[in-house]
Amino acid sequence: MVDFNRSTDMPAAINTLERYVAHGILTLNNLFSSLTYQELPGALLERVCDVNIVTAADGTTRLIARVSLPLDPAYITSTTQKLWTFAQEFKEATIPAAYKVD
């Protein structure tokens, strides 16, 4: 579990949903870059968070991420709880100081 306190762990420059997502995936990648799981039996191991920067065909630079979050299976029968509340933690970690400032 990564404890997260909005008032101390989120840089002030995060003022859009896009920056919020970028901050989240970059932080997860920093904390769990070597954590892997097997998606399907017999398949290769995949990283739980994989982030890359690419130059797209149109010349724009893009932050590309693939994140695989474990879900509590109770989401299947829930009729009122939001899906995102079923996301489970990877393991214990602390947000690095560099990710708490602009």
PDB file of N, CA and C in Angstrom:
ATOM      1  N   MET A   1       0.840  -1.164   0.000  1.00  0.00           N
ATOM      2  CA  MET A   1       0.000   0.000   0.000  1.00  0.00           C
ATOM      3  C   MET A   1       0.894   1.239   0.000  1.00  0.00           C
ATOM      4  N   VAL A   2       0.519   2.209  -0.779  1.00  0.00           N
ATOM      5  CA  VAL A   2       1.221   3.488  -0.800  1.00  0.00           C
ATOM      6  C   VAL A   2       0.283   4.518  -0.182  1.00  0.00           C
ATOM      7  N   ASP A   3       0.590   4.919   1.040  1.00  0.00           N
ATOM      8  CA  ASP A   3      -0.228   5.958   1.666  1.00  0.00           C
ATOM      9  C   ASP A   3      -0.089   7.242   0.859  1.00  0.00           C
ATOM     10  N   PHE A   4      -1.210   7.930   0.687  1.00  0.00           N
ATOM     11  CA  PHE A   4      -1.225   9.138  -0.127  1.00  0.00           C
ATOM     12  C   PHE A   4      -2.026  10.208   0.594  1.00  0.00           C
ATOM     13  N   ASN A   5      -1.401  11.352   0.822  1.00  0.00           N
ATOM     14  CA  ASN A   5      -2.051  12.476   1.473  1.00  0.00           C
ATOM     15  C   ASN A   5      -2.084  13.617   0.464  1.00  0.00           C
ATOM     16  N   ARG A   6      -3.268  14.009   0.039  1.00  0.00           N
ATOM     17  CA  ARG A   6      -3.396  15.047  -0.995  1.00  0.00           C
ATOM     18  C   ARG A   6      -2.691  16.341  -0.628  1.00  0.00           C
ATOM     19  N   SER A   7      -2.714  16.696   0.637  1.00  0.00           N
ATOM     20  CA  SER A   7      -2.132  17.985   1.031  1.00  0.00           C
ATOM     21  C   SER A   7      -0.611  17.973   1.063  1.00  0.00           C
ATOM     22  N   THR A   8       0.015  16.804   1.213  1.00  0.00           N
ATOM     23  CA  THR A   8       1.485  16.763   1.282  1.00  0.00           C
ATOM     24  C   THR A   8       2.137  16.010   0.137  1.00  0.00           C
ATOM     25  N   ASP A   9       1.399  15.163  -0.546  1.00  0.00           N
ATOM     26  CA  ASP A   9       1.989  14.310  -1.584  1.00  0.00           C
ATOM     27  C   ASP A   9       1.667  14.723  -3.013  1.00  0.00           C
ATOM     28  N   MET A  10       0.851  15.750  -3.191  1.00  0.00           N
ATOM     29  CA  MET A  10       0.491  16.177  -4.534  1.00  0.00           C
ATOM     30  C   MET A  10       1.070  17.570  -4.800  1.00  0.00           C
ATOM     31  N   PRO A  11       1.962  17.663  -5.782  1.00  0.00           N
ATOM     32  CA  PRO A  11       2.536  18.975  -6.110  1.00  0.00           C
ATOM     33  C   PRO A  11       1.461  19.981  -6.525  1.00  0.00           C
ATOM     34  N   ALA A  12       1.699  21.242  -6.223  1.00  0.00           N
ATOM     35  CA  ALA A  12       0.732  22.303  -6.525  1.00  0.00           C
ATOM     36  C   ALA A  12       0.486  22.455  -8.027  1.00  0.00           C
ATOM     37  N   ALA A  13       1.441  22.105  -8.844  1.00  0.00           N
ATOM     38  CA  ALA A  13       1.292  22.265 -10.299  1.00  0.00           C
ATOM     39  C   ALA A  13       0.298  21.281 -10.911  1.00  0.00           C
ATOM     40  N   ILE A  14      -0.171  20.333 -10.133  1.00  0.00           N
ATOM     41  CA  ILE A  14      -1.173  19.396 -10.649  1.00  0.00           C
ATOM     42  C   ILE A  14      -2.529  20.087 -10.576  1.00  0.00           C
ATOM     43  N   ASN A  15      -2.930  20.636 -11.719  1.00  0.00           N
ATOM     44  CA  ASN A  15      -4.185  21.383 -11.782  1.00  0.00           C
ATOM     45  C   ASN A  15      -5.105  20.902 -12.902  1.00  0.00           C
ATOM     46  N   THR A  16      -4.732  19.775 -13.525  1.00  0.00           N
ATOM     47  CA  THR A  16      -5.593  19.173 -14.553  1.00  0.00           C
ATOM     48  C   THR A  16      -5.622  17.663 -14.320  1.00  0.00           C
ATOM     49  N   LEU A  17      -6.642  17.019 -14.833  1.00  0.00           N
ATOM     50  CA  LEU A  17      -6.737  15.566 -14.722  1.00  0.00           C
ATOM     51  C   LEU A  17      -5.566  14.895 -15.447  1.00  0.00           C
ATOM     52  N   GLU A  18      -5.151  15.462 -16.566  1.00  0.00           N
ATOM     53  CA  GLU A  18      -4.036  14.881 -17.324  1.00  0.00           C
ATOM     54  C   GLU A  18      -2.745  14.895 -16.501  1.00  0.00           C
ATOM     55  N   ARG A  19      -2.459  15.994 -15.817  1.00  0.00           N
ATOM     56  CA  ARG A  19      -1.262  16.060 -14.966  1.00  0.00           C
ATOM     57  C   ARG A  19      -1.383  15.100 -13.776  1.00  0.00           C
ATOM     58  N   TYR A  20      -2.583  14.987 -13.260  1.00  0.00           N
ATOM     59  CA  TYR A  20      -2.837  14.070 -12.149  1.00  0.00           C
ATOM     60  C   TYR A  20      -2.532  12.625 -12.555  1.00  0.00           C
ATOM     61  N   VAL A  21      -3.012  12.226 -13.732  1.00  0.00           N
ATOM     62  CA  VAL A  21      -2.760  10.877 -14.243  1.00  0.00           C
ATOM     63  C   VAL A  21      -1.264  10.685 -14.511  1.00  0.00           C
ATOM     64  N   ALA A  22      -0.630  11.666 -15.143  1.00  0.00           N
ATOM     65  CA  ALA A  22       0.802  11.562 -15.428  1.00  0.00           C
ATOM     66  C   ALA A  22       1.597  11.415 -14.132  1.00  0.00           C
ATOM     67  N   HIS A  23       1.274  12.217 -13.133  1.00  0.00           N
ATOM     68  CA  HIS A  23       1.960  12.126 -11.837  1.00  0.00           C
ATOM     69  C   HIS A  23       1.771  10.737 -11.237  1.00  0.00           C
ATOM     70  N   GLY A  24       0.557  10.227 -11.286  1.00  0.00           N
ATOM     71  CA  GLY A  24       0.263   8.915 -10.709  1.00  0.00           C
ATOM     72  C   GLY A  24       1.019   7.791 -11.380  1.00  0.00           C
ATOM     73  N   ILE A  25       1.009   7.768 -12.714  1.00  0.00           N
ATOM     74  CA  ILE A  25       1.689   6.668 -13.401  1.00  0.00           C
ATOM     75  C   ILE A  25       3.210   6.774 -13.268  1.00  0.00           C
ATOM     76  N   LEU A  26       3.731   7.989 -13.280  1.00  0.00           N
ATOM     77  CA  LEU A  26       5.175   8.147 -13.106  1.00  0.00           C
ATOM     78  C   LEU A  26       5.604   7.753 -11.693  1.00  0.00           C
ATOM     79  N   THR A  27       4.789   8.070 -10.703  1.00  0.00           N
ATOM     80  CA  THR A  27       5.093   7.672  -9.329  1.00  0.00           C
ATOM     81  C   THR A  27       5.027   6.156  -9.183  1.00  0.00           C
ATOM     82  N   LEU A  28       3.966   5.532  -9.706  1.00  0.00           N
ATOM     83  CA  LEU A  28       3.866   4.077  -9.656  1.00  0.00           C
ATOM     84  C   LEU A  28       5.045   3.416 -10.358  1.00  0.00           C
ATOM     85  N   ASN A  29       5.427   3.948 -11.504  1.00  0.00           N
ATOM     86  CA  ASN A  29       6.557   3.385 -12.243  1.00  0.00           C
ATOM     87  C   ASN A  29       7.842   3.490 -11.423  1.00  0.00           C
ATOM     88  N   ASN A  30       8.041   4.617 -10.741  1.00  0.00           N
ATOM     89  CA  ASN A  30       9.221   4.787  -9.909  1.00  0.00           C
ATOM     90  C   ASN A  30       9.241   3.777  -8.758  1.00  0.00           C
ATOM     91  N   LEU A  31       8.110   3.590  -8.130  1.00  0.00           N
ATOM     92  CA  LEU A  31       8.036   2.706  -6.965  1.00  0.00           C
ATOM     93  C   LEU A  31       8.072   1.223  -7.317  1.00  0.00           C
ATOM     94  N   PHE A  32       7.454   0.855  -8.430  1.00  0.00           N
ATOM     95  CA  PHE A  32       7.256  -0.562  -8.727  1.00  0.00           C
ATOM     96  C   PHE A  32       7.797  -0.991 -10.091  1.00  0.00           C
ATOM     97  N   SER A  33       8.866  -0.363 -10.538  1.00  0.00           N
ATOM     98  CA  SER A  33       9.384  -0.654 -11.881  1.00  0.00           C
ATOM     99  C   SER A  33       9.843  -2.103 -12.059  1.00  0.00           C
ATOM    100  N   SER A  34      10.150  -2.790 -10.984  1.00  0.00           N
ATOM    101  CA  SER A  34      10.610  -4.177 -11.119  1.00  0.00           C
ATOM    102  C   SER A  34       9.549  -5.196 -10.707  1.00  0.00           C
ATOM    103  N   LEU A  35       8.377  -4.749 -10.288  1.00  0.00           N
ATOM    104  CA  LEU A  35       7.318  -5.664  -9.867  1.00  0.00           C
ATOM    105  C   LEU A  35       6.599  -6.211 -11.096  1.00  0.00           C
ATOM    106  N   THR A  36       6.483  -7.533 -11.170  1.00  0.00           N
ATOM    107  CA  THR A  36       5.863  -8.172 -12.337  1.00  0.00           C
ATOM    108  C   THR A  36       4.760  -9.139 -11.906  1.00  0.00           C
ATOM    109  N   TYR A  37       3.984  -9.552 -12.875  1.00  0.00           N
ATOM    110  CA  TYR A  37       2.939 -10.554 -12.669  1.00  0.00           C
ATOM    111  C   TYR A  37       2.755 -11.304 -13.977  1.00  0.00           C
ATOM    112  N   GLN A  38       2.087 -12.439 -13.907  1.00  0.00           N
ATOM    113  CA  GLN A  38       1.823 -13.219 -15.110  1.00  0.00           C
ATOM    114  C   GLN A  38       0.360 -13.038 -15.491  1.00  0.00           C
ATOM    115  N   GLU A  39       0.123 -12.451 -16.645  1.00  0.00           N
ATOM    116  CA  GLU A  39      -1.232 -12.122 -17.069  1.00  0.00           C
ATOM    117  C   GLU A  39      -2.061 -13.368 -17.389  1.00  0.00           C
ATOM    118  N   LEU A  40      -1.474 -14.284 -18.100  1.00  0.00           N
ATOM    119  CA  LEU A  40      -2.151 -15.527 -18.480  1.00  0.00           C
ATOM    120  C   LEU A  40      -1.227 -16.704 -18.204  1.00  0.00           C
ATOM    121  N   PRO A  41      -1.769 -17.881 -17.900  1.00  0.00           N
ATOM    122  CA  PRO A  41      -0.912 -19.045 -17.673  1.00  0.00           C
ATOM    123  C   PRO A  41       0.023 -19.284 -18.860  1.00  0.00           C
ATOM    124  N   GLY A  42       1.297 -19.461 -18.581  1.00  0.00           N
ATOM    125  CA  GLY A  42       2.280 -19.707 -19.629  1.00  0.00           C
ATOM    126  C   GLY A  42       2.794 -18.464 -20.330  1.00  0.00           C
ATOM    127  N   ALA A  43       2.214 -17.311 -20.025  1.00  0.00           N
ATOM    128  CA  ALA A  43       2.629 -16.066 -20.681  1.00  0.00           C
ATOM    129  C   ALA A  43       3.887 -15.519 -20.017  1.00  0.00           C
ATOM    130  N   LEU A  44       4.536 -14.600 -20.697  1.00  0.00           N
ATOM    131  CA  LEU A  44       5.697 -13.922 -20.128  1.00  0.00           C
ATOM    132  C   LEU A  44       5.267 -13.029 -18.976  1.00  0.00           C
ATOM    133  N   LEU A  45       6.205 -12.718 -18.107  1.00  0.00           N
ATOM    134  CA  LEU A  45       5.919 -11.801 -17.015  1.00  0.00           C
ATOM    135  C   LEU A  45       5.769 -10.386 -17.559  1.00  0.00           C
ATOM    136  N   GLU A  46       4.815  -9.657 -17.014  1.00  0.00           N
ATOM    137  CA  GLU A  46       4.565  -8.264 -17.391  1.00  0.00           C
ATOM    138  C   GLU A  46       4.842  -7.381 -16.185  1.00  0.00           C
ATOM    139  N   ARG A  47       5.315  -6.169 -16.418  1.00  0.00           N
ATOM    140  CA  ARG A  47       5.483  -5.218 -15.322  1.00  0.00           C
ATOM    141  C   ARG A  47       4.123  -4.651 -14.938  1.00  0.00           C
ATOM    142  N   VAL A  48       3.911  -4.398 -13.646  1.00  0.00           N
ATOM    143  CA  VAL A  48       2.615  -3.860 -13.219  1.00  0.00           C
ATOM    144  C   VAL A  48       2.425  -2.430 -13.695  1.00  0.00           C
ATOM    145  N   CYS A  49       3.540  -1.729 -13.935  1.00  0.00           N
ATOM    146  CA  CYS A  49       3.473  -0.375 -14.481  1.00  0.00           C
ATOM    147  C   CYS A  49       4.630  -0.198 -15.455  1.00  0.00           C
ATOM    148  N   ASP A  50       4.305   0.159 -16.661  1.00  0.00           N
ATOM    149  CA  ASP A  50       5.320   0.330 -17.698  1.00  0.00           C
ATOM    150  C   ASP A  50       5.088   1.683 -18.361  1.00  0.00           C
ATOM    151  N   VAL A  51       6.090   2.551 -18.314  1.00  0.00           N
ATOM    152  CA  VAL A  51       5.956   3.910 -18.837  1.00  0.00           C
ATOM    153  C   VAL A  51       7.051   4.174 -19.867  1.00  0.00           C
ATOM    154  N   ASN A  52       6.676   4.772 -20.971  1.00  0.00           N
ATOM    155  CA  ASN A  52       7.619   5.128 -22.028  1.00  0.00           C
ATOM    156  C   ASN A  52       7.273   6.501 -22.588  1.00  0.00           C
ATOM    157  N   ILE A  53       8.268   7.155 -23.163  1.00  0.00           N
ATOM    158  CA  ILE A  53       8.052   8.414 -23.877  1.00  0.00           C
ATOM    159  C   ILE A  53       8.358   8.132 -25.335  1.00  0.00           C
ATOM    160  N   VAL A  54       7.422   8.464 -26.197  1.00  0.00           N
ATOM    161  CA  VAL A  54       7.587   8.203 -27.622  1.00  0.00           C
ATOM    162  C   VAL A  54       7.269   9.456 -28.428  1.00  0.00           C
ATOM    163  N   THR A  55       7.808   9.506 -29.637  1.00  0.00           N
ATOM    164  CA  THR A  55       7.424  10.538 -30.592  1.00  0.00           C
ATOM    165  C   THR A  55       6.437   9.897 -31.551  1.00  0.00           C
ATOM    166  N   ALA A  56       5.231  10.406 -31.564  1.00  0.00           N
ATOM    167  CA  ALA A  56       4.163   9.849 -32.389  1.00  0.00           C
ATOM    168  C   ALA A  56       4.369  10.218 -33.853  1.00  0.00           C
ATOM    169  N   ALA A  57       3.597   9.574 -34.712  1.00  0.00           N
ATOM    170  CA  ALA A  57       3.690   9.819 -36.150  1.00  0.00           C
ATOM    171  C   ALA A  57       3.433  11.274 -36.508  1.00  0.00           C
ATOM    172  N   ASP A  58       2.617  11.954 -35.710  1.00  0.00           N
ATOM    173  CA  ASP A  58       2.325  13.364 -36.001  1.00  0.00           C
ATOM    174  C   ASP A  58       3.368  14.321 -35.408  1.00  0.00           C
ATOM    175  N   GLY A  59       4.427  13.768 -34.816  1.00  0.00           N
ATOM    176  CA  GLY A  59       5.508  14.587 -34.280  1.00  0.00           C
ATOM    177  C   GLY A  59       5.349  14.986 -32.821  1.00  0.00           C
ATOM    178  N   THR A  60       4.196  14.680 -32.221  1.00  0.00           N
ATOM    179  CA  THR A  60       4.013  15.022 -30.809  1.00  0.00           C
ATOM    180  C   THR A  60       4.755  14.026 -29.921  1.00  0.00           C
ATOM    181  N   THR A  61       5.204  14.510 -28.790  1.00  0.00           N
ATOM    182  CA  THR A  61       5.846  13.645 -27.800  1.00  0.00           C
ATOM    183  C   THR A  61       4.769  13.185 -26.838  1.00  0.00           C
ATOM    184  N   ARG A  62       4.755  11.884 -26.554  1.00  0.00           N
ATOM    185  CA  ARG A  62       3.679  11.304 -25.755  1.00  0.00           C
ATOM    186  C   ARG A  62       4.230  10.467 -24.612  1.00  0.00           C
ATOM    187  N   LEU A  63       3.546  10.534 -23.474  1.00  0.00           N
ATOM    188  CA  LEU A  63       3.818   9.681 -22.321  1.00  0.00           C
ATOM    189  C   LEU A  63       2.862   8.499 -22.444  1.00  0.00           C
ATOM    190  N   ILE A  64       3.418   7.322 -22.636  1.00  0.00           N
ATOM    191  CA  ILE A  64       2.621   6.116 -22.834  1.00  0.00           C
ATOM    192  C   ILE A  64       2.765   5.249 -21.587  1.00  0.00           C
ATOM    193  N   ALA A  65       1.638   4.764 -21.061  1.00  0.00           N
ATOM    194  CA  ALA A  65       1.700   3.937 -19.858  1.00  0.00           C
ATOM    195  C   ALA A  65       0.749   2.756 -19.966  1.00  0.00           C
ATOM    196  N   ARG A  66       1.178   1.677 -19.353  1.00  0.00           N
ATOM    197  CA  ARG A  66       0.321   0.507 -19.187  1.00  0.00           C
ATOM    198  C   ARG A  66       0.397   0.154 -17.712  1.00  0.00           C
ATOM    199  N   VAL A  67      -0.748   0.143 -17.046  1.00  0.00           N
ATOM    200  CA  VAL A  67      -0.798  -0.156 -15.622  1.00  0.00           C
ATOM    201  C   VAL A  67      -1.800  -1.284 -15.409  1.00  0.00           C
ATOM    202  N   SER A  68      -1.401  -2.249 -14.603  1.00  0.00           N
ATOM    203  CA  SER A  68      -2.292  -3.356 -14.278  1.00  0.00           C
ATOM    204  C   SER A  68      -2.514  -3.366 -12.771  1.00  0.00           C
ATOM    205  N   LEU A  69      -3.702  -2.951 -12.360  1.00  0.00           N
ATOM    206  CA  LEU A  69      -4.044  -2.873 -10.941  1.00  0.00           C
ATOM    207  C   LEU A  69      -4.846  -4.093 -10.520  1.00  0.00           C
ATOM    208  N   PRO A  70      -4.474  -4.715  -9.409  1.00  0.00           N
ATOM    209  CA  PRO A  70      -5.298  -5.824  -8.904  1.00  0.00           C
ATOM    210  C   PRO A  70      -6.637  -5.287  -8.394  1.00  0.00           C
ATOM    211  N   LEU A  71      -7.702  -6.014  -8.688  1.00  0.00           N
ATOM    212  CA  LEU A  71      -9.047  -5.617  -8.251  1.00  0.00           C
ATOM    213  C   LEU A  71      -9.603  -6.636  -7.266  1.00  0.00           C
ATOM    214  N   ASP A  72     -10.291  -6.144  -6.251  1.00  0.00           N
ATOM    215  CA  ASP A  72     -11.027  -7.009  -5.338  1.00  0.00           C
ATOM    216  C   ASP A  72     -12.168  -7.617  -6.153  1.00  0.00           C
ATOM    217  N   PRO A  73     -12.293  -8.942  -6.182  1.00  0.00           N
ATOM    218  CA  PRO A  73     -13.347  -9.573  -6.986  1.00  0.00           C
ATOM    219  C   PRO A  73     -14.766  -9.211  -6.555  1.00  0.00           C
ATOM    220  N   ALA A  74     -14.917  -8.582  -5.408  1.00  0.00           N
ATOM    221  CA  ALA A  74     -16.245  -8.169  -4.956  1.00  0.00           C
ATOM    222  C   ALA A  74     -16.868  -7.140  -5.894  1.00  0.00           C
ATOM    223  N   TYR A  75     -16.059  -6.553  -6.778  1.00  0.00           N
ATOM    224  CA  TYR A  75     -16.607  -5.557  -7.719  1.00  0.00           C
ATOM    225  C   TYR A  75     -17.696  -6.181  -8.594  1.00  0.00           C
ATOM    226  N   ILE A  76     -17.625  -7.476  -8.809  1.00  0.00           N
ATOM    227  CA  ILE A  76     -18.563  -8.164  -9.706  1.00  0.00           C
ATOM    228  C   ILE A  76     -19.998  -8.079  -9.198  1.00  0.00           C
ATOM    229  N   THR A  77     -20.173  -8.189  -7.904  1.00  0.00           N
ATOM    230  CA  THR A  77     -21.532  -8.211  -7.351  1.00  0.00           C
ATOM    231  C   THR A  77     -21.972  -6.865  -6.778  1.00  0.00           C
ATOM    232  N   SER A  78     -21.099  -5.908  -6.760  1.00  0.00           N
ATOM    233  CA  SER A  78     -21.464  -4.603  -6.210  1.00  0.00           C
ATOM    234  C   SER A  78     -22.372  -3.848  -7.175  1.00  0.00           C
ATOM    235  N   THR A  79     -23.382  -3.223  -6.633  1.00  0.00           N
ATOM    236  CA  THR A  79     -24.291  -2.445  -7.474  1.00  0.00           C
ATOM    237  C   THR A  79     -24.217  -0.948  -7.169  1.00  0.00           C
ATOM    238  N   THR A  80     -23.534  -0.567  -6.092  1.00  0.00           N
ATOM    239  CA  THR A  80     -23.500   0.842  -5.713  1.00  0.00           C
ATOM    240  C   THR A  80     -22.094   1.406  -5.613  1.00  0.00           C
ATOM    241  N   GLN A  81     -21.107   0.570  -5.349  1.00  0.00           N
ATOM    242  CA  GLN A  81     -19.745   1.052  -5.125  1.00  0.00           C
ATOM    243  C   GLN A  81     -19.046   1.320  -6.454  1.00  0.00           C
ATOM    244  N   LYS A  82     -18.310   2.418  -6.521  1.00  0.00           N
ATOM    245  CA  LYS A  82     -17.576   2.785  -7.736  1.00  0.00           C
ATOM    246  C   LYS A  82     -16.441   1.793  -7.993  1.00  0.00           C
ATOM    247  N   LEU A  83     -16.206   1.454  -9.253  1.00  0.00           N
ATOM    248  CA  LEU A  83     -15.191   0.464  -9.616  1.00  0.00           C
ATOM    249  C   LEU A  83     -13.817   0.822  -9.073  1.00  0.00           C
ATOM    250  N   TRP A  84     -13.437   2.085  -9.129  1.00  0.00           N
ATOM    251  CA  TRP A  84     -12.096   2.468  -8.695  1.00  0.00           C
ATOM    252  C   TRP A  84     -11.851   2.168  -7.221  1.00  0.00           C
ATOM    253  N   THR A  85     -12.921   2.043  -6.414  1.00  0.00           N
ATOM    254  CA  THR A  85     -12.743   1.753  -4.988  1.00  0.00           C
ATOM    255  C   THR A  85     -12.324   0.308  -4.733  1.00  0.00           C
ATOM    256  N   PHE A  86     -12.387  -0.534  -5.751  1.00  0.00           N
ATOM    257  CA  PHE A  86     -11.986  -1.930  -5.615  1.00  0.00           C
ATOM    258  C   PHE A  86     -10.512  -2.162  -5.961  1.00  0.00           C
ATOM    259  N   ALA A  87      -9.811  -1.129  -6.398  1.00  0.00           N
ATOM    260  CA  ALA A  87      -8.382  -1.270  -6.709  1.00  0.00           C
ATOM    261  C   ALA A  87      -7.623  -1.617  -5.439  1.00  0.00           C
ATOM    262  N   GLN A  88      -6.744  -2.604  -5.541  1.00  0.00           N
ATOM    263  CA  GLN A  88      -5.958  -3.044  -4.401  1.00  0.00           C
ATOM    264  C   GLN A  88      -4.505  -2.623  -4.568  1.00  0.00           C
ATOM    265  N   GLU A  89      -3.803  -2.577  -3.458  1.00  0.00           N
ATOM    266  CA  GLU A  89      -2.408  -2.132  -3.481  1.00  0.00           C
ATOM    267  C   GLU A  89      -1.484  -3.218  -4.031  1.00  0.00           C
ATOM    268  N   PHE A  90      -0.333  -2.773  -4.561  1.00  0.00           N
ATOM    269  CA  PHE A  90       0.704  -3.703  -5.015  1.00  0.00           C
ATOM    270  C   PHE A  90       1.462  -4.237  -3.806  1.00  0.00           C
ATOM    271  N   LYS A  91       2.041  -3.335  -3.028  1.00  0.00           N
ATOM    272  CA  LYS A  91       2.773  -3.667  -1.810  1.00  0.00           C
ATOM    273  C   LYS A  91       3.117  -2.366  -1.101  1.00  0.00           C
ATOM    274  N   GLU A  92       3.694  -2.459   0.081  1.00  0.00           N
ATOM    275  CA  GLU A  92       4.051  -1.271   0.867  1.00  0.00           C
ATOM    276  C   GLU A  92       5.120  -0.451   0.161  1.00  0.00           C
ATOM    277  N   ALA A  93       4.954   0.859   0.171  1.00  0.00           N
ATOM    278  CA  ALA A  93       5.950   1.763  -0.405  1.00  0.00           C
ATOM    279  C   ALA A  93       5.670   3.170   0.103  1.00  0.00           C
ATOM    280  N   THR A  94       6.670   4.033  -0.022  1.00  0.00           N
ATOM    281  CA  THR A  94       6.543   5.426   0.372  1.00  0.00           C
ATOM    282  C   THR A  94       6.818   6.301  -0.841  1.00  0.00           C
ATOM    283  N   ILE A  95       6.001   7.300  -1.051  1.00  0.00           N
ATOM    284  CA  ILE A  95       6.194   8.207  -2.184  1.00  0.00           C
ATOM    285  C   ILE A  95       7.496   8.972  -1.987  1.00  0.00           C
ATOM    286  N   PRO A  96       8.394   8.939  -2.987  1.00  0.00           N
ATOM    287  CA  PRO A  96       9.667   9.667  -2.870  1.00  0.00           C
ATOM    288  C   PRO A  96       9.441  11.170  -2.797  1.00  0.00           C
ATOM    289  N   ALA A  97      10.313  11.844  -2.082  1.00  0.00           N
ATOM    290  CA  ALA A  97      10.203  13.300  -1.897  1.00  0.00           C
ATOM    291  C   ALA A  97      10.159  14.048  -3.221  1.00  0.00           C
ATOM    292  N   ALA A  98      10.901  13.570  -4.216  1.00  0.00           N
ATOM    293  CA  ALA A  98      10.945  14.250  -5.518  1.00  0.00           C
ATOM    294  C   ALA A  98       9.575  14.290  -6.196  1.00  0.00           C
ATOM    295  N   TYR A  99       8.666  13.396  -5.828  1.00  0.00           N
ATOM    296  CA  TYR A  99       7.341  13.356  -6.436  1.00  0.00           C
ATOM    297  C   TYR A  99       6.325  14.188  -5.662  1.00  0.00           C
ATOM    298  N   LYS A 100       6.773  14.857  -4.590  1.00  0.00           N
ATOM    299  CA  LYS A 100       5.873  15.654  -3.766  1.00  0.00           C
ATOM    300  C   LYS A 100       6.004  17.155  -4.030  1.00  0.00           C
ATOM    301  N   VAL A 101       6.932  17.529  -4.894  1.00  0.00           N
ATOM    302  CA  VAL A 101       7.164  18.960  -5.182  1.00  0.00           C
ATOM    303  C   VAL A 101       7.088  19.191  -6.676  1.00  0.00           C
ATOM    304  N   ASP A 102       6.874  20.442  -7.057  1.00  0.00           N
ATOM    305  CA  ASP A 102       6.807  20.810  -8.476  1.00  0.00           C
ATOM    306  C   ASP A 102       8.187  20.752  -9.104  1.00  0.00           C
TER     307      ASP A 102
END
